[in-house]
Protein backbone atom coordinates (compact mmCIF):
# COMPACT_ATOMS: atom_id res chain seq x y z
CA MET A 1 19.36 -10.74 3.09
CA THR A 2 18.19 -11.77 -0.40
CA ALA A 3 17.60 -15.31 0.64
CA LEU A 4 15.54 -14.18 3.67
CA VAL A 5 13.15 -12.09 1.31
CA ARG A 6 12.89 -15.03 -1.16
CA LEU A 7 11.92 -17.25 1.84
CA ARG A 8 9.43 -15.16 3.18
CA LEU A 9 7.78 -14.78 -0.07
CA ALA A 10 7.79 -18.17 -0.81
CA GLY A 11 6.01 -18.77 2.71
CA PHE A 12 3.46 -16.17 1.82
CA LEU A 13 2.51 -17.74 -1.62
CA ARG A 14 2.99 -21.41 -0.27
CA THR A 15 0.69 -21.17 2.40
CA GLY A 16 -1.91 -19.59 0.53
CA ARG A 17 -2.24 -16.30 2.52
CA ALA A 18 -1.65 -14.33 -0.54
CA VAL A 19 -5.00 -15.36 -2.07
CA ALA A 20 -7.38 -13.51 0.58
CA PRO A 21 -5.74 -10.01 -0.03
CA LEU A 22 -5.70 -10.74 -3.95
CA LEU A 23 -9.48 -11.70 -3.97
CA ALA A 24 -10.47 -8.85 -1.76
CA GLY A 25 -8.67 -6.44 -3.86
CA LEU A 26 -10.07 -7.89 -7.04
CA VAL A 27 -13.57 -7.60 -5.54
CA ALA A 28 -12.95 -4.03 -4.64
CA LEU A 29 -11.97 -3.06 -7.93
CA GLY A 30 -14.62 -5.03 -9.66
CA ILE A 31 -17.03 -2.87 -7.58
CA LEU A 32 -15.07 0.13 -8.41
CA TYR A 33 -15.21 -0.21 -12.12
CA GLY A 34 -18.61 -1.58 -12.17
CA GLY A 35 -20.00 1.90 -12.47
CA GLY A 36 -18.89 2.48 -15.91
CA ARG A 37 -15.93 3.56 -17.97
CA ALA A 38 -13.67 6.35 -16.60
CA GLN A 39 -10.48 8.17 -17.65
CA PRO A 40 -7.24 6.48 -16.52
CA ALA A 41 -5.81 9.01 -14.46
CA GLU A 42 -9.23 9.35 -12.40
CA ALA A 43 -9.88 5.70 -12.17
CA TYR A 44 -6.38 4.93 -10.91
CA GLY A 45 -6.56 7.62 -8.19
CA VAL A 46 -9.34 6.11 -6.72
CA SER A 47 -8.03 2.71 -7.30
CA ALA A 48 -5.04 3.71 -5.21
CA VAL A 49 -7.19 4.45 -2.28
CA VAL A 50 -9.19 1.34 -2.65
CA LEU A 51 -5.77 -0.52 -2.68
CA PHE A 52 -4.44 1.26 0.36
CA PRO A 53 -6.08 -0.96 3.29
CA VAL A 54 -5.65 -4.11 1.13
CA LEU A 55 -2.12 -3.50 0.82
CA ALA A 56 -1.85 -3.06 4.54
CA TRP A 57 -3.59 -6.24 5.42
CA GLN A 58 -1.25 -8.04 2.71
CA THR A 59 1.71 -6.94 4.85
CA LYS A 60 0.41 -7.86 7.97
CA LEU A 61 -0.56 -11.46 6.95
CA LEU A 62 2.87 -11.75 5.01
CA LEU A 63 4.77 -10.80 8.18
CA ASP A 64 2.62 -12.91 10.33
CA VAL A 65 3.43 -16.17 8.17
CA GLU A 66 6.84 -16.85 9.80
CA PRO A 67 6.48 -18.10 13.49
CA ASP A 68 8.05 -16.16 16.26
CA GLY A 69 10.75 -18.76 16.62
CA GLN A 70 11.62 -18.84 13.17
CA ARG A 71 11.64 -14.89 13.12
CA ARG A 72 14.16 -14.95 16.28
CA LEU A 73 16.36 -17.45 14.60
CA ALA A 74 16.53 -15.54 11.39
CA GLN A 75 17.66 -12.56 13.51
CA VAL A 76 20.49 -14.71 15.11
CA VAL A 77 21.67 -16.22 11.79
CA ALA A 78 21.25 -12.89 9.36
CA GLY A 79 21.23 -10.18 12.29
CA VAL A 80 18.59 -8.18 13.63
CA ARG A 81 18.57 -5.25 11.20
CA ARG A 82 18.45 -7.62 8.08
CA GLU A 83 15.67 -9.63 9.32
CA ARG A 84 13.69 -6.53 9.63
CA TRP A 85 14.50 -4.94 6.52
CA ALA A 86 14.02 -8.27 4.69
CA GLY A 87 10.30 -8.20 6.09
CA LEU A 88 9.67 -4.71 4.83
CA LEU A 89 11.26 -5.63 1.55
CA ALA A 90 9.47 -8.72 0.78
CA ALA A 91 6.14 -6.94 1.76
CA GLY A 92 7.22 -4.15 -0.70
CA LEU A 93 7.72 -6.75 -3.39
CA ALA A 94 4.64 -8.34 -2.75
CA ALA A 95 2.73 -5.01 -2.73
CA LEU A 96 4.07 -3.98 -6.31
CA GLY A 97 2.73 -7.19 -7.70
CA THR A 98 -0.88 -6.27 -6.39
CA VAL A 99 -0.21 -2.88 -7.80
CA LEU A 100 0.43 -4.49 -11.03
CA VAL A 101 -2.66 -6.24 -11.32
CA ALA A 102 -4.52 -3.35 -10.29
CA LEU A 103 -3.04 -1.47 -13.03
CA VAL A 104 -4.10 -4.13 -15.74
CA PHE A 105 -7.41 -5.41 -14.02
CA PRO A 106 -9.41 -2.28 -15.64
CA TRP A 107 -8.72 -2.78 -19.01
CA LEU A 108 -9.43 -6.63 -18.64
CA VAL A 109 -13.03 -5.49 -17.70
CA GLY A 110 -13.48 -2.23 -19.73
CA GLY A 111 -13.46 -0.11 -16.60
CA VAL A 112 -11.25 2.66 -18.35
CA THR A 113 -11.59 4.31 -21.87
CA ALA A 114 -9.01 5.28 -24.27
CA VAL A 115 -11.06 7.62 -25.72
CA VAL A 116 -9.64 11.29 -24.87
CA GLU A 117 -11.72 13.85 -23.76
CA PRO A 118 -11.32 17.64 -25.49
CA GLY A 119 -8.76 18.83 -23.16
CA GLY A 120 -8.36 15.78 -21.22
CA ARG A 121 -5.15 14.09 -20.60
CA SER A 122 -4.05 11.36 -23.09
CA VAL A 123 -3.90 7.80 -22.07
CA ALA A 124 -0.17 7.48 -21.58
CA VAL A 125 -0.18 10.34 -19.28
CA GLY A 126 -3.08 9.10 -17.50
CA ILE A 127 -1.49 5.57 -16.98
CA VAL A 128 1.80 7.23 -15.74
CA LEU A 129 -0.35 9.37 -13.16
CA GLY A 130 -1.93 6.01 -12.35
CA LEU A 131 1.26 4.44 -11.60
CA TRP A 132 2.70 7.40 -9.75
CA ALA A 133 -0.51 7.37 -7.32
CA HIS A 134 -0.10 3.55 -6.75
CA LEU A 135 3.50 3.82 -5.98
CA LEU A 136 2.91 6.72 -3.85
CA ALA A 137 0.58 4.54 -1.55
CA VAL A 138 2.93 1.47 -1.53
CA PRO A 139 5.27 2.65 1.33
CA PRO A 140 2.54 4.09 3.64
CA ALA A 141 0.54 0.86 3.25
CA VAL A 142 3.43 -1.58 3.72
CA LEU A 143 4.33 0.52 6.87
CA LEU A 144 0.84 0.59 8.41
CA GLY A 145 0.84 -3.38 7.81
CA ALA A 146 4.16 -3.72 9.49
CA LEU A 147 2.75 -1.86 12.53
CA ALA A 148 0.05 -3.99 12.80
CA SER A 149 2.01 -7.12 12.63
CA ARG A 150 2.33 -9.62 15.35
CA ALA A 151 6.02 -8.64 15.79
CA CYS A 152 4.67 -5.20 16.92
CA THR A 153 1.19 -5.52 18.34
CA GLY A 154 1.84 -9.07 19.95
CA SER A 155 -1.81 -10.18 19.41
CA ALA A 156 -4.24 -10.42 16.35
CA GLY A 157 -6.72 -8.18 18.03
CA TYR A 158 -4.45 -5.38 18.39
CA GLY A 159 -3.11 -5.92 15.02
CA VAL A 160 -6.72 -5.43 13.34
CA ALA A 161 -7.18 -2.32 15.34
CA VAL A 162 -3.97 -0.83 14.07
CA LEU A 163 -5.07 -1.82 10.48
CA ALA A 164 -8.82 -0.51 11.21
CA LEU A 165 -7.64 2.70 12.66
CA GLY A 166 -4.88 3.26 10.08
CA GLY A 167 -7.01 2.59 7.22
CA VAL A 168 -10.23 4.48 8.33
CA GLY A 169 -8.20 7.47 9.36
CA ALA A 170 -6.24 7.68 5.86
CA ILE A 171 -9.56 8.08 4.37
CA VAL A 172 -11.34 10.19 7.16
CA LEU A 173 -8.46 12.80 7.80
CA GLY A 174 -7.68 12.91 3.98
CA LEU A 175 -10.84 14.34 3.20
CA SER A 176 -10.96 17.78 1.59
CA GLY A 177 -11.07 20.48 4.47
CA SER A 178 -9.50 18.23 7.16
CA ALA A 179 -7.69 19.97 9.98
CA VAL A 180 -4.90 17.66 10.47
CA PRO A 181 -4.27 16.06 7.01
CA TRP A 182 -0.81 15.69 7.64
CA LEU A 183 -1.69 12.76 10.41
CA VAL A 184 -2.19 10.51 7.37
CA PRO A 185 -0.35 9.87 3.96
CA PRO A 186 -1.49 11.69 1.01
CA ILE A 187 -3.75 9.02 -0.40
CA MET A 188 -6.80 10.97 -0.66
CA ALA A 189 -4.93 14.33 -1.82
CA THR A 190 -3.60 12.09 -4.46
CA ALA A 191 -6.94 10.83 -5.88
CA ARG A 192 -8.26 14.61 -6.13
CA ALA A 193 -4.85 15.59 -7.57
CA THR A 194 -5.40 12.94 -10.23
CA THR A 195 -9.00 14.09 -11.15
CA GLY A 196 -8.14 17.77 -11.65
CA ALA A 197 -5.44 20.01 -13.15
CA LEU A 198 -2.26 18.34 -11.53
CA THR A 199 0.85 20.64 -11.70
CA ALA A 200 4.45 19.53 -11.25
CA PRO A 201 4.90 21.57 -7.79
CA THR A 202 1.70 19.75 -6.41
CA ALA A 203 2.97 16.47 -7.61
CA ALA A 204 6.36 17.14 -5.89
CA LEU A 205 4.79 18.23 -2.58
CA LEU A 206 2.58 15.09 -2.66
CA THR A 207 5.48 12.90 -3.16
CA CYS A 208 7.64 14.45 -0.42
CA TRP A 209 4.61 14.46 1.92
CA ALA A 210 4.19 10.57 1.28
CA ALA A 211 8.18 10.24 1.86
CA ALA A 212 8.16 12.24 4.91
CA TRP A 213 5.37 10.54 6.37
CA SER A 214 6.81 6.95 5.69
CA ALA A 215 10.06 7.80 7.03
CA VAL A 216 8.27 8.76 10.46
CA VAL A 217 6.42 5.83 10.62
CA LEU A 218 9.53 3.84 9.57
CA ALA A 219 11.58 5.22 12.55
CA GLY A 220 8.64 4.77 14.78
CA TYR A 221 8.26 0.99 13.45
CA LEU A 222 11.99 0.18 13.90
CA TRP A 223 12.33 1.77 17.05
CA TRP A 224 9.30 -0.24 18.45
CA ARG A 225 10.78 -3.36 17.12
CA ARG A 226 14.00 -2.73 18.95
CA SER A 227 12.13 -1.92 22.05
CA ARG A 228 10.25 -5.25 22.06
CA ALA A 229 13.12 -7.30 21.13
């Protein structure tokens, strides 16, 4: 399965498909940090929201690089389960690379400040919270992109619809006061938590929420792939 993961990452990079989501992410982050400096935790919390649809789109592009015939051949050679997990792992590794860029980028453009406000969090704590917020967004984003991939939707139009619905829904239904926030991953809730007084129970709750949502969507993805096989 490791070889299949490397093969998909290599195809994603060599075909140039990785450039578009990376540029889109950098443009979005440039606009975000163009308004002035912010504390790391606050800036990273919003950055995770901005990157969520970008990571989902990146995942769709990565999974769609491989032709359908080659994907079926990989299922025969490596096995159906390994083929599906290899795609998700490759997308996860690509997402982690994008997250690393997002964590470094604001320091290069002066979008964050190392000056600690009275009663505020230290820079180290802010960076840890920012890393946590981004890592919390990776599994839901990867799974949303997987649901939008050609192997699930069968067409580019349906894939774009899934991406748009999932991306917009995560923001709209995640707003404060939403009646059904549990329908979407806690992207917005995490951003609000990083700007406020985040407690350990709240962090644990948000982590469990993201894990549970991802587990449900993962089960749906695997079932749908199996039903379309």
